[in-house]
PDB file of N, CA and C in Angstrom:
ATOM      1  N   MET A   1     -27.235 -43.181 -52.668  1.00  0.00           N
ATOM      2  CA  MET A   1     -26.416 -44.218 -53.072  1.00  0.00           C
ATOM      3  C   MET A   1     -24.922 -44.085 -52.317  1.00  0.00           C
ATOM      4  N   LYS A   2     -24.537 -44.974 -51.501  1.00  0.00           N
ATOM      5  CA  LYS A   2     -23.497 -44.961 -50.606  1.00  0.00           C
ATOM      6  C   LYS A   2     -22.211 -45.474 -51.940  1.00  0.00           C
ATOM      7  N   LEU A   3     -21.299 -44.719 -52.054  1.00  0.00           N
ATOM      8  CA  LEU A   3     -20.216 -45.505 -53.114  1.00  0.00           C
ATOM      9  C   LEU A   3     -18.927 -45.689 -52.341  1.00  0.00           C
ATOM     10  N   SER A   4     -18.122 -46.453 -52.845  1.00  0.00           N
ATOM     11  CA  SER A   4     -16.595 -46.917 -52.530  1.00  0.00           C
ATOM     12  C   SER A   4     -15.935 -45.792 -52.895  1.00  0.00           C
ATOM     13  N   PRO A   5     -14.385 -45.719 -52.152  1.00  0.00           N
ATOM     14  CA  PRO A   5     -13.952 -44.520 -52.869  1.00  0.00           C
ATOM     15  C   PRO A   5     -13.612 -44.732 -54.334  1.00  0.00           C
ATOM     16  N   LYS A   6     -13.141 -45.663 -54.944  1.00  0.00           N
ATOM     17  CA  LYS A   6     -12.977 -45.759 -56.277  1.00  0.00           C
ATOM     18  C   LYS A   6     -14.384 -45.395 -57.158  1.00  0.00           C
ATOM     19  N   ALA A   7     -15.484 -45.819 -56.806  1.00  0.00           N
ATOM     20  CA  ALA A   7     -16.727 -45.502 -57.085  1.00  0.00           C
ATOM     21  C   ALA A   7     -16.752 -43.671 -57.213  1.00  0.00           C
ATOM     22  N   ALA A   8     -16.563 -43.299 -56.014  1.00  0.00           N
ATOM     23  CA  ALA A   8     -16.958 -41.846 -55.948  1.00  0.00           C
ATOM     24  C   ALA A   8     -16.119 -40.935 -56.909  1.00  0.00           C
ATOM     25  N   ILE A   9     -14.796 -41.412 -57.119  1.00  0.00           N
ATOM     26  CA  ILE A   9     -13.782 -40.820 -57.895  1.00  0.00           C
ATOM     27  C   ILE A   9     -14.269 -41.045 -59.402  1.00  0.00           C
ATOM     28  N   GLU A  10     -14.672 -42.260 -59.750  1.00  0.00           N
ATOM     29  CA  GLU A  10     -15.332 -42.434 -61.158  1.00  0.00           C
ATOM     30  C   GLU A  10     -16.396 -41.509 -61.432  1.00  0.00           C
ATOM     31  N   VAL A  11     -17.326 -41.256 -60.298  1.00  0.00           N
ATOM     32  CA  VAL A  11     -18.438 -40.415 -60.405  1.00  0.00           C
ATOM     33  C   VAL A  11     -18.037 -38.930 -60.547  1.00  0.00           C
ATOM     34  N   CYS A  12     -16.951 -38.576 -60.135  1.00  0.00           N
ATOM     35  CA  CYS A  12     -16.345 -37.165 -60.206  1.00  0.00           C
ATOM     36  C   CYS A  12     -15.866 -36.953 -61.721  1.00  0.00           C
ATOM     37  N   GLU A  13     -15.218 -38.155 -61.918  1.00  0.00           N
ATOM     38  CA  GLU A  13     -14.396 -38.091 -63.497  1.00  0.00           C
ATOM     39  C   GLU A  13     -15.489 -37.965 -64.489  1.00  0.00           C
ATOM     40  N   GLU A  14     -16.637 -38.796 -64.199  1.00  0.00           N
ATOM     41  CA  GLU A  14     -17.848 -38.675 -65.416  1.00  0.00           C
ATOM     42  C   GLU A  14     -18.513 -37.497 -65.158  1.00  0.00           C
ATOM     43  N   ALA A  15     -18.762 -37.076 -64.029  1.00  0.00           N
ATOM     44  CA  ALA A  15     -19.379 -35.655 -64.231  1.00  0.00           C
ATOM     45  C   ALA A  15     -18.449 -34.453 -64.693  1.00  0.00           C
ATOM     46  N   THR A  16     -17.414 -34.791 -64.762  1.00  0.00           N
ATOM     47  CA  THR A  16     -16.542 -33.717 -65.505  1.00  0.00           C
ATOM     48  C   THR A  16     -16.729 -34.108 -67.046  1.00  0.00           C
ATOM     49  N   ARG A  17     -16.678 -35.314 -67.302  1.00  0.00           N
ATOM     50  CA  ARG A  17     -17.067 -35.599 -68.956  1.00  0.00           C
ATOM     51  C   ARG A  17     -18.282 -34.968 -69.210  1.00  0.00           C
ATOM     52  N   ARG A  18     -19.270 -35.137 -68.583  1.00  0.00           N
ATOM     53  CA  ARG A  18     -20.602 -34.670 -68.877  1.00  0.00           C
ATOM     54  C   ARG A  18     -20.809 -33.157 -68.655  1.00  0.00           C
ATOM     55  N   GLY A  19     -20.097 -32.597 -68.037  1.00  0.00           N
ATOM     56  CA  GLY A  19     -20.050 -30.873 -67.905  1.00  0.00           C
ATOM     57  C   GLY A  19     -20.994 -30.759 -66.537  1.00  0.00           C
ATOM     58  N   VAL A  20     -20.882 -31.686 -65.710  1.00  0.00           N
ATOM     59  CA  VAL A  20     -21.543 -31.473 -64.415  1.00  0.00           C
ATOM     60  C   VAL A  20     -20.836 -31.215 -63.325  1.00  0.00           C
ATOM     61  N   PHE A  21     -21.342 -30.327 -62.465  1.00  0.00           N
ATOM     62  CA  PHE A  21     -20.458 -29.705 -61.345  1.00  0.00           C
ATOM     63  C   PHE A  21     -20.725 -30.697 -60.079  1.00  0.00           C
ATOM     64  N   VAL A  22     -19.541 -31.199 -59.284  1.00  0.00           N
ATOM     65  CA  VAL A  22     -19.746 -31.635 -58.240  1.00  0.00           C
ATOM     66  C   VAL A  22     -19.860 -30.793 -57.113  1.00  0.00           C
ATOM     67  N   GLY A  23     -21.143 -30.820 -56.420  1.00  0.00           N
ATOM     68  CA  GLY A  23     -21.195 -29.785 -55.634  1.00  0.00           C
ATOM     69  C   GLY A  23     -20.818 -30.051 -53.986  1.00  0.00           C
ATOM     70  N   ILE A  24     -20.994 -31.265 -53.859  1.00  0.00           N
ATOM     71  CA  ILE A  24     -20.796 -31.840 -52.263  1.00  0.00           C
ATOM     72  C   ILE A  24     -20.348 -33.275 -52.343  1.00  0.00           C
ATOM     73  N   VAL A  25     -19.385 -33.593 -51.489  1.00  0.00           N
ATOM     74  CA  VAL A  25     -18.875 -34.935 -51.150  1.00  0.00           C
ATOM     75  C   VAL A  25     -18.869 -34.979 -49.340  1.00  0.00           C
ATOM     76  N   GLU A  26     -19.487 -36.106 -49.327  1.00  0.00           N
ATOM     77  CA  GLU A  26     -19.591 -36.373 -47.903  1.00  0.00           C
ATOM     78  C   GLU A  26     -19.106 -37.925 -47.643  1.00  0.00           C
ATOM     79  N   ALA A  27     -18.211 -37.900 -46.519  1.00  0.00           N
ATOM     80  CA  ALA A  27     -17.402 -39.019 -46.517  1.00  0.00           C
ATOM     81  C   ALA A  27     -18.207 -39.671 -44.907  1.00  0.00           C
ATOM     82  N   GLY A  28     -17.821 -40.909 -45.142  1.00  0.00           N
ATOM     83  CA  GLY A  28     -18.249 -41.490 -43.885  1.00  0.00           C
ATOM     84  C   GLY A  28     -17.718 -42.894 -43.729  1.00  0.00           C
ATOM     85  N   HIS A  29     -18.434 -44.030 -43.095  1.00  0.00           N
ATOM     86  CA  HIS A  29     -17.885 -45.290 -42.743  1.00  0.00           C
ATOM     87  C   HIS A  29     -18.854 -46.234 -43.155  1.00  0.00           C
ATOM     88  N   TRP A  30     -18.674 -47.357 -43.942  1.00  0.00           N
ATOM     89  CA  TRP A  30     -19.603 -48.181 -44.033  1.00  0.00           C
ATOM     90  C   TRP A  30     -19.347 -49.387 -43.160  1.00  0.00           C
ATOM     91  N   TYR A  31     -20.635 -49.666 -42.447  1.00  0.00           N
ATOM     92  CA  TYR A  31     -20.890 -50.618 -41.443  1.00  0.00           C
ATOM     93  C   TYR A  31     -22.066 -51.335 -41.928  1.00  0.00           C
ATOM     94  N   ASN A  32     -21.680 -52.662 -42.230  1.00  0.00           N
ATOM     95  CA  ASN A  32     -22.667 -53.617 -42.902  1.00  0.00           C
ATOM     96  C   ASN A  32     -23.936 -53.553 -41.908  1.00  0.00           C
ATOM     97  N   PRO A  33     -24.992 -53.438 -42.026  1.00  0.00           N
ATOM     98  CA  PRO A  33     -25.749 -52.738 -43.417  1.00  0.00           C
ATOM     99  C   PRO A  33     -25.781 -51.200 -43.452  1.00  0.00           C
ATOM    100  N   GLY A  34     -24.994 -50.659 -43.073  1.00  0.00           N
ATOM    101  CA  GLY A  34     -25.270 -49.140 -43.246  1.00  0.00           C
ATOM    102  C   GLY A  34     -24.323 -48.174 -43.191  1.00  0.00           C
ATOM    103  N   PHE A  35     -24.641 -47.002 -43.559  1.00  0.00           N
ATOM    104  CA  PHE A  35     -23.681 -45.755 -43.893  1.00  0.00           C
ATOM    105  C   PHE A  35     -23.726 -44.984 -42.716  1.00  0.00           C
ATOM    106  N   GLN A  36     -22.410 -44.706 -42.282  1.00  0.00           N
ATOM    107  CA  GLN A  36     -22.552 -43.637 -41.043  1.00  0.00           C
ATOM    108  C   GLN A  36     -21.782 -42.329 -41.583  1.00  0.00           C
ATOM    109  N   PRO A  37     -22.315 -41.471 -42.044  1.00  0.00           N
ATOM    110  CA  PRO A  37     -21.926 -40.133 -42.442  1.00  0.00           C
ATOM    111  C   PRO A  37     -21.121 -39.446 -41.254  1.00  0.00           C
ATOM    112  N   ASP A  38     -20.044 -38.899 -41.629  1.00  0.00           N
ATOM    113  CA  ASP A  38     -19.144 -37.896 -40.535  1.00  0.00           C
ATOM    114  C   ASP A  38     -19.270 -36.551 -41.137  1.00  0.00           C
ATOM    115  N   MET A  39     -20.147 -35.674 -40.531  1.00  0.00           N
ATOM    116  CA  MET A  39     -20.307 -34.491 -41.084  1.00  0.00           C
ATOM    117  C   MET A  39     -19.185 -33.568 -40.878  1.00  0.00           C
ATOM    118  N   SER A  40     -18.046 -33.590 -40.276  1.00  0.00           N
ATOM    119  CA  SER A  40     -16.956 -33.058 -40.308  1.00  0.00           C
ATOM    120  C   SER A  40     -16.016 -33.230 -41.373  1.00  0.00           C
ATOM    121  N   THR A  41     -16.538 -34.117 -42.301  1.00  0.00           N
ATOM    122  CA  THR A  41     -15.679 -34.300 -43.360  1.00  0.00           C
ATOM    123  C   THR A  41     -16.350 -33.843 -44.820  1.00  0.00           C
ATOM    124  N   ARG A  42     -17.434 -33.248 -44.550  1.00  0.00           N
ATOM    125  CA  ARG A  42     -18.298 -32.889 -45.595  1.00  0.00           C
ATOM    126  C   ARG A  42     -17.748 -31.715 -46.331  1.00  0.00           C
ATOM    127  N   TRP A  43     -17.446 -31.865 -47.693  1.00  0.00           N
ATOM    128  CA  TRP A  43     -16.988 -30.882 -48.592  1.00  0.00           C
ATOM    129  C   TRP A  43     -17.914 -30.199 -49.295  1.00  0.00           C
ATOM    130  N   ASP A  44     -18.109 -28.873 -49.539  1.00  0.00           N
ATOM    131  CA  ASP A  44     -19.270 -28.385 -50.065  1.00  0.00           C
ATOM    132  C   ASP A  44     -18.540 -27.429 -50.962  1.00  0.00           C
ATOM    133  N   SER A  45     -18.670 -27.093 -52.415  1.00  0.00           N
ATOM    134  CA  SER A  45     -18.180 -26.604 -53.195  1.00  0.00           C
ATOM    135  C   SER A  45     -18.860 -25.439 -54.038  1.00  0.00           C
ATOM    136  N   LEU A  46     -20.229 -25.785 -53.511  1.00  0.00           N
ATOM    137  CA  LEU A  46     -21.315 -24.856 -54.110  1.00  0.00           C
ATOM    138  C   LEU A  46     -20.898 -23.422 -54.136  1.00  0.00           C
ATOM    139  N   LYS A  47     -20.124 -22.573 -53.184  1.00  0.00           N
ATOM    140  CA  LYS A  47     -19.744 -21.356 -53.097  1.00  0.00           C
ATOM    141  C   LYS A  47     -18.681 -21.000 -54.001  1.00  0.00           C
ATOM    142  N   PHE A  48     -18.009 -22.017 -54.823  1.00  0.00           N
ATOM    143  CA  PHE A  48     -17.050 -21.779 -55.740  1.00  0.00           C
ATOM    144  C   PHE A  48     -17.846 -21.713 -57.178  1.00  0.00           C
ATOM    145  N   TYR A  49     -18.963 -22.153 -57.147  1.00  0.00           N
ATOM    146  CA  TYR A  49     -19.777 -22.446 -58.568  1.00  0.00           C
ATOM    147  C   TYR A  49     -19.419 -21.383 -59.495  1.00  0.00           C
ATOM    148  N   LYS A  50     -19.654 -20.178 -59.236  1.00  0.00           N
ATOM    149  CA  LYS A  50     -19.392 -19.217 -60.402  1.00  0.00           C
ATOM    150  C   LYS A  50     -17.815 -18.897 -60.583  1.00  0.00           C
ATOM    151  N   ASP A  51     -17.012 -19.235 -59.525  1.00  0.00           N
ATOM    152  CA  ASP A  51     -15.556 -18.613 -59.871  1.00  0.00           C
ATOM    153  C   ASP A  51     -14.778 -19.965 -60.336  1.00  0.00           C
ATOM    154  N   ILE A  52     -15.017 -21.094 -60.234  1.00  0.00           N
ATOM    155  CA  ILE A  52     -14.251 -22.018 -60.776  1.00  0.00           C
ATOM    156  C   ILE A  52     -14.592 -22.958 -61.766  1.00  0.00           C
ATOM    157  N   ASP A  53     -14.094 -23.417 -62.796  1.00  0.00           N
ATOM    158  CA  ASP A  53     -14.251 -24.187 -63.899  1.00  0.00           C
ATOM    159  C   ASP A  53     -14.626 -25.481 -63.428  1.00  0.00           C
ATOM    160  N   ILE A  54     -15.441 -26.220 -64.127  1.00  0.00           N
ATOM    161  CA  ILE A  54     -16.056 -27.685 -63.789  1.00  0.00           C
ATOM    162  C   ILE A  54     -14.829 -28.620 -63.419  1.00  0.00           C
ATOM    163  N   LYS A  55     -13.944 -28.543 -64.505  1.00  0.00           N
ATOM    164  CA  LYS A  55     -12.812 -29.415 -64.489  1.00  0.00           C
ATOM    165  C   LYS A  55     -11.959 -29.217 -63.028  1.00  0.00           C
ATOM    166  N   LEU A  56     -11.839 -28.034 -62.817  1.00  0.00           N
ATOM    167  CA  LEU A  56     -10.942 -27.647 -61.821  1.00  0.00           C
ATOM    168  C   LEU A  56     -11.622 -28.085 -60.341  1.00  0.00           C
ATOM    169  N   ASN A  57     -12.915 -27.871 -60.361  1.00  0.00           N
ATOM    170  CA  ASN A  57     -13.600 -28.028 -59.140  1.00  0.00           C
ATOM    171  C   ASN A  57     -13.728 -29.442 -58.794  1.00  0.00           C
ATOM    172  N   ASN A  58     -13.997 -30.362 -59.923  1.00  0.00           N
ATOM    173  CA  ASN A  58     -14.142 -31.932 -59.800  1.00  0.00           C
ATOM    174  C   ASN A  58     -12.946 -32.321 -59.326  1.00  0.00           C
ATOM    175  N   ASP A  59     -11.779 -31.806 -59.840  1.00  0.00           N
ATOM    176  CA  ASP A  59     -10.410 -32.251 -59.423  1.00  0.00           C
ATOM    177  C   ASP A  59     -10.190 -32.078 -58.074  1.00  0.00           C
ATOM    178  N   ILE A  60     -10.829 -30.865 -57.598  1.00  0.00           N
ATOM    179  CA  ILE A  60     -10.352 -30.669 -55.954  1.00  0.00           C
ATOM    180  C   ILE A  60     -11.384 -31.737 -55.304  1.00  0.00           C
ATOM    181  N   ALA A  61     -12.477 -31.938 -55.858  1.00  0.00           N
ATOM    182  CA  ALA A  61     -13.428 -33.091 -55.219  1.00  0.00           C
ATOM    183  C   ALA A  61     -12.796 -34.298 -55.012  1.00  0.00           C
ATOM    184  N   ILE A  62     -11.900 -34.799 -56.108  1.00  0.00           N
ATOM    185  CA  ILE A  62     -11.297 -36.057 -56.059  1.00  0.00           C
ATOM    186  C   ILE A  62      -9.898 -35.890 -55.244  1.00  0.00           C
ATOM    187  N   GLU A  63      -9.311 -34.753 -55.163  1.00  0.00           N
ATOM    188  CA  GLU A  63      -8.275 -34.659 -54.101  1.00  0.00           C
ATOM    189  C   GLU A  63      -8.912 -34.671 -52.647  1.00  0.00           C
ATOM    190  N   ASN A  64     -10.180 -34.158 -52.290  1.00  0.00           N
ATOM    191  CA  ASN A  64     -10.696 -34.308 -51.213  1.00  0.00           C
ATOM    192  C   ASN A  64     -10.887 -35.849 -50.838  1.00  0.00           C
ATOM    193  N   ILE A  65     -11.530 -36.628 -51.664  1.00  0.00           N
ATOM    194  CA  ILE A  65     -11.815 -38.081 -51.551  1.00  0.00           C
ATOM    195  C   ILE A  65     -10.675 -38.895 -51.219  1.00  0.00           C
ATOM    196  N   ASN A  66      -9.730 -38.520 -51.835  1.00  0.00           N
ATOM    197  CA  ASN A  66      -8.259 -39.024 -51.616  1.00  0.00           C
ATOM    198  C   ASN A  66      -7.827 -38.913 -50.230  1.00  0.00           C
ATOM    199  N   GLY A  67      -7.769 -37.642 -49.765  1.00  0.00           N
ATOM    200  CA  GLY A  67      -7.546 -37.284 -48.716  1.00  0.00           C
ATOM    201  C   GLY A  67      -8.402 -37.981 -47.315  1.00  0.00           C
ATOM    202  N   ASP A  68      -9.792 -37.994 -47.520  1.00  0.00           N
ATOM    203  CA  ASP A  68     -10.731 -38.759 -46.959  1.00  0.00           C
ATOM    204  C   ASP A  68     -10.403 -40.281 -46.702  1.00  0.00           C
ATOM    205  N   VAL A  69      -9.862 -41.018 -47.651  1.00  0.00           N
ATOM    206  CA  VAL A  69      -9.237 -42.243 -47.767  1.00  0.00           C
ATOM    207  C   VAL A  69      -8.236 -42.205 -46.859  1.00  0.00           C
ATOM    208  N   THR A  70      -7.294 -41.608 -46.996  1.00  0.00           N
ATOM    209  CA  THR A  70      -6.078 -41.592 -46.286  1.00  0.00           C
ATOM    210  C   THR A  70      -6.238 -41.467 -44.816  1.00  0.00           C
ATOM    211  N   ASP A  71      -7.270 -40.809 -44.514  1.00  0.00           N
ATOM    212  CA  ASP A  71      -7.876 -40.666 -43.046  1.00  0.00           C
ATOM    213  C   ASP A  71      -8.703 -41.694 -42.585  1.00  0.00           C
ATOM    214  N   GLY A  72      -9.029 -42.844 -43.500  1.00  0.00           N
ATOM    215  CA  GLY A  72      -9.618 -44.099 -42.986  1.00  0.00           C
ATOM    216  C   GLY A  72     -11.188 -44.072 -43.300  1.00  0.00           C
ATOM    217  N   TYR A  73     -11.565 -43.198 -44.060  1.00  0.00           N
ATOM    218  CA  TYR A  73     -13.018 -43.065 -44.538  1.00  0.00           C
ATOM    219  C   TYR A  73     -13.168 -44.018 -45.645  1.00  0.00           C
ATOM    220  N   THR A  74     -14.361 -44.804 -45.725  1.00  0.00           N
ATOM    221  CA  THR A  74     -14.537 -46.100 -46.759  1.00  0.00           C
ATOM    222  C   THR A  74     -15.924 -45.937 -47.499  1.00  0.00           C
ATOM    223  N   ALA A  75     -16.589 -44.862 -47.373  1.00  0.00           N
ATOM    224  CA  ALA A  75     -17.758 -44.737 -48.350  1.00  0.00           C
ATOM    225  C   ALA A  75     -18.247 -43.052 -48.346  1.00  0.00           C
ATOM    226  N   PHE A  76     -18.800 -42.999 -49.464  1.00  0.00           N
ATOM    227  CA  PHE A  76     -18.916 -41.668 -49.817  1.00  0.00           C
ATOM    228  C   PHE A  76     -20.407 -41.316 -50.422  1.00  0.00           C
ATOM    229  N   LEU A  77     -20.870 -40.047 -50.129  1.00  0.00           N
ATOM    230  CA  LEU A  77     -22.133 -39.628 -50.921  1.00  0.00           C
ATOM    231  C   LEU A  77     -21.632 -38.231 -51.804  1.00  0.00           C
ATOM    232  N   ILE A  78     -22.165 -38.425 -52.972  1.00  0.00           N
ATOM    233  CA  ILE A  78     -21.745 -37.163 -53.955  1.00  0.00           C
ATOM    234  C   ILE A  78     -22.917 -36.571 -54.455  1.00  0.00           C
ATOM    235  N   THR A  79     -22.994 -35.522 -54.365  1.00  0.00           N
ATOM    236  CA  THR A  79     -24.209 -34.591 -54.840  1.00  0.00           C
ATOM    237  C   THR A  79     -23.706 -33.689 -56.044  1.00  0.00           C
ATOM    238  N   VAL A  80     -24.341 -33.807 -57.091  1.00  0.00           N
ATOM    239  CA  VAL A  80     -24.027 -33.115 -58.568  1.00  0.00           C
ATOM    240  C   VAL A  80     -24.723 -32.019 -58.791  1.00  0.00           C
ATOM    241  N   ILE A  81     -24.557 -31.275 -59.408  1.00  0.00           N
ATOM    242  CA  ILE A  81     -25.312 -29.935 -59.736  1.00  0.00           C
ATOM    243  C   ILE A  81     -25.318 -29.653 -61.361  1.00  0.00           C
ATOM    244  N   SER A  82     -26.640 -29.960 -61.873  1.00  0.00           N
ATOM    245  CA  SER A  82     -26.453 -29.725 -63.349  1.00  0.00           C
ATOM    246  C   SER A  82     -26.643 -28.184 -63.557  1.00  0.00           C
ATOM    247  N   GLN A  83     -27.196 -27.555 -62.910  1.00  0.00           N
ATOM    248  CA  GLN A  83     -27.401 -26.162 -63.325  1.00  0.00           C
ATOM    249  C   GLN A  83     -27.921 -25.234 -61.734  1.00  0.00           C
ATOM    250  N   VAL A  84     -27.432 -24.264 -61.985  1.00  0.00           N
ATOM    251  CA  VAL A  84     -27.883 -23.571 -60.631  1.00  0.00           C
ATOM    252  C   VAL A  84     -28.606 -22.403 -60.984  1.00  0.00           C
ATOM    253  N   SER A  85     -29.589 -22.085 -60.554  1.00  0.00           N
ATOM    254  CA  SER A  85     -30.306 -21.048 -60.738  1.00  0.00           C
ATOM    255  C   SER A  85     -29.960 -19.733 -59.744  1.00  0.00           C
ATOM    256  N   ASP A  86     -30.192 -18.375 -60.307  1.00  0.00           N
ATOM    257  CA  ASP A  86     -29.646 -17.321 -59.707  1.00  0.00           C
ATOM    258  C   ASP A  86     -30.615 -16.815 -58.631  1.00  0.00           C
TER     259      ASP A  86
END
């Protein structure tokens, strides 16, 4: 599902409330009727999973979204991780 910047931030906030880790944020552009991802704006936090608490991680994801919006990106894909196996 492609998300507006506002909706992407709301997903990150809801993930924090539910104790779910935001693993990937992908920014892109919405061109009616499609989403064009820009792989140069992918934010992947999985490497931090064991080092950072969920709230801090998800706050960093929101900061990333805000930065991408400033750079002109209009749509986002969010990947959440409920648990990671070792």
